[in-house]
Amino acid sequence: MNDDELLDRAFLALADPARRRIIAHLSRGPATVNELAEPFSITKQAISRHIGVLEQAGLVTRSRDAQRRPVHLNPARLEALTAWIDQYRLVRESQFRALDNLLATKTSTAREGLSRKDQS
């Protein structure tokens, strides 16, 4: 799977509010399906399907711990999403800084012009 496909899967997975809540819960530590299902008014099977979508997107992993199968957040995958977003955010911030500098220069020039008129 290429990077674009991984990004598509991850953003599609995060488009669902229930999956975002699952990610938020997992950011505090691993949890079982039962623990993840507690705050929802949907079935455990539905929660399992949501976890499956998150797993397909690479956002979570499952492990086996004796009888438990905890779900873990995959921080490296979230970092990759953040890096992708940041590259565009940094470009925009640079453009806004350039605009701020231009406006500051124009404002300064306009004030100097008004100051000279007052002295005349």
Protein backbone atom coordinates (compact mmCIF):
# COMPACT_ATOMS: atom_id res chain seq x y z
CA MET A 1 0.00 0.00 0.00
CA ASN A 2 1.45 3.40 -0.94
CA ASP A 3 1.52 6.53 1.24
CA ASP A 4 -1.55 8.08 -0.40
CA GLU A 5 -3.61 4.97 0.25
CA LEU A 6 -2.48 4.90 3.88
CA LEU A 7 -3.40 8.56 4.29
CA ASP A 8 -6.80 7.96 2.70
CA ARG A 9 -7.53 5.05 5.02
CA ALA A 10 -6.41 6.94 8.09
CA PHE A 11 -8.43 10.07 7.34
CA LEU A 12 -11.49 8.02 6.39
CA ALA A 13 -11.15 6.11 9.66
CA LEU A 14 -10.91 9.36 11.61
CA ALA A 15 -13.94 10.83 9.84
CA ASP A 16 -16.23 8.84 12.15
CA PRO A 17 -16.88 10.41 15.59
CA ALA A 18 -17.01 7.03 17.35
CA ARG A 19 -13.57 6.11 16.00
CA ARG A 20 -12.18 9.48 17.06
CA ARG A 21 -13.51 8.82 20.58
CA ILE A 22 -11.86 5.40 20.55
CA ILE A 23 -8.56 7.02 19.54
CA ALA A 24 -8.98 9.59 22.33
CA HIS A 25 -9.60 6.79 24.84
CA LEU A 26 -6.56 4.85 23.62
CA SER A 27 -4.37 7.94 23.93
CA ARG A 28 -4.65 7.38 27.69
CA GLY A 29 -3.45 3.77 27.36
CA PRO A 30 -4.40 0.35 25.99
CA ALA A 31 -7.93 -0.93 26.48
CA THR A 32 -10.02 -4.00 25.72
CA VAL A 33 -13.04 -3.99 23.43
CA ASN A 34 -15.28 -4.15 26.51
CA GLU A 35 -13.58 -1.10 28.02
CA LEU A 36 -13.81 0.78 24.74
CA ALA A 37 -17.50 -0.14 24.36
CA GLU A 38 -18.53 1.17 27.81
CA PRO A 39 -19.30 4.81 26.93
CA PHE A 40 -21.14 3.92 23.71
CA SER A 41 -24.75 2.91 23.21
CA ILE A 42 -23.80 0.54 20.38
CA THR A 43 -22.99 -3.17 20.43
CA LYS A 44 -19.58 -4.61 21.14
CA GLN A 45 -19.66 -6.04 17.62
CA ALA A 46 -20.02 -2.51 16.24
CA ILE A 47 -17.10 -1.37 18.40
CA SER A 48 -15.09 -4.33 17.07
CA ARG A 49 -15.87 -3.25 13.51
CA HIS A 50 -14.74 0.31 14.32
CA ILE A 51 -11.53 -1.09 15.80
CA GLY A 52 -11.07 -3.16 12.64
CA VAL A 53 -11.30 -0.02 10.50
CA LEU A 54 -8.76 1.72 12.75
CA GLU A 55 -6.53 -1.34 12.55
CA GLN A 56 -6.75 -1.44 8.72
CA ALA A 57 -5.72 2.22 8.72
CA GLY A 58 -2.72 1.38 10.90
CA LEU A 59 -3.91 3.64 13.73
CA VAL A 60 -4.28 0.86 16.30
CA THR A 61 -2.85 -2.58 16.95
CA ARG A 62 -4.03 -5.51 19.03
CA SER A 63 -1.93 -7.77 21.20
CA ARG A 64 -2.59 -10.84 23.28
CA ASP A 65 -2.06 -10.67 27.04
CA ALA A 66 -3.17 -14.02 28.49
CA GLN A 67 -6.99 -13.88 28.22
CA ARG A 68 -7.06 -10.21 27.23
CA ARG A 69 -6.64 -8.77 23.74
CA PRO A 70 -5.85 -5.11 24.44
CA VAL A 71 -6.03 -2.52 21.69
CA HIS A 72 -3.10 -0.09 21.50
CA LEU A 73 -2.75 3.25 19.79
CA ASN A 74 -0.07 3.33 17.09
CA PRO A 75 1.63 6.67 17.80
CA ALA A 76 3.98 6.36 14.81
CA ARG A 77 0.99 6.35 12.43
CA LEU A 78 -0.48 9.43 14.12
CA GLU A 79 2.92 11.11 13.83
CA ALA A 80 2.90 10.41 10.09
CA LEU A 81 -0.52 12.08 9.78
CA THR A 82 0.66 15.04 11.82
CA ALA A 83 3.78 15.39 9.67
CA TRP A 84 1.66 15.37 6.51
CA ILE A 85 -0.61 18.09 7.91
CA ASP A 86 2.34 20.11 9.24
CA GLN A 87 4.00 20.39 5.84
CA TYR A 88 0.99 22.35 4.59
CA ARG A 89 0.53 24.27 7.82
CA LEU A 90 4.14 25.47 7.69
CA VAL A 91 3.73 26.71 4.12
CA ARG A 92 0.61 28.67 5.10
CA GLU A 93 2.27 30.10 8.20
CA SER A 94 5.18 31.30 6.08
CA GLN A 95 2.77 32.98 3.68
CA PHE A 96 0.93 34.66 6.57
CA ARG A 97 4.22 35.90 8.07
CA ALA A 98 5.17 37.42 4.71
CA LEU A 99 1.76 39.11 4.53
CA ASP A 100 2.14 40.39 8.11
CA ASN A 101 5.55 41.85 7.23
CA LEU A 102 4.14 43.52 4.12
CA LEU A 103 1.25 45.02 6.08
CA ALA A 104 3.59 46.21 8.83
CA THR A 105 5.82 47.90 6.24
CA LYS A 106 2.81 49.57 4.56
CA THR A 107 1.46 50.75 7.92
CA SER A 108 4.85 52.11 8.93
CA THR A 109 5.21 53.95 5.60
CA ALA A 110 1.71 55.40 5.90
CA ARG A 111 2.41 56.66 9.46
CA GLU A 112 5.65 58.29 8.33
CA GLY A 113 3.75 60.05 5.54
CA LEU A 114 1.15 61.37 7.99
CA SER A 115 3.86 62.49 10.39
CA ARG A 116 5.56 64.54 7.64
CA LYS A 117 2.27 66.24 6.74
CA ASP A 118 1.73 67.22 10.37
CA GLN A 119 5.20 68.82 10.49
CA SER A 120 4.52 70.90 7.39
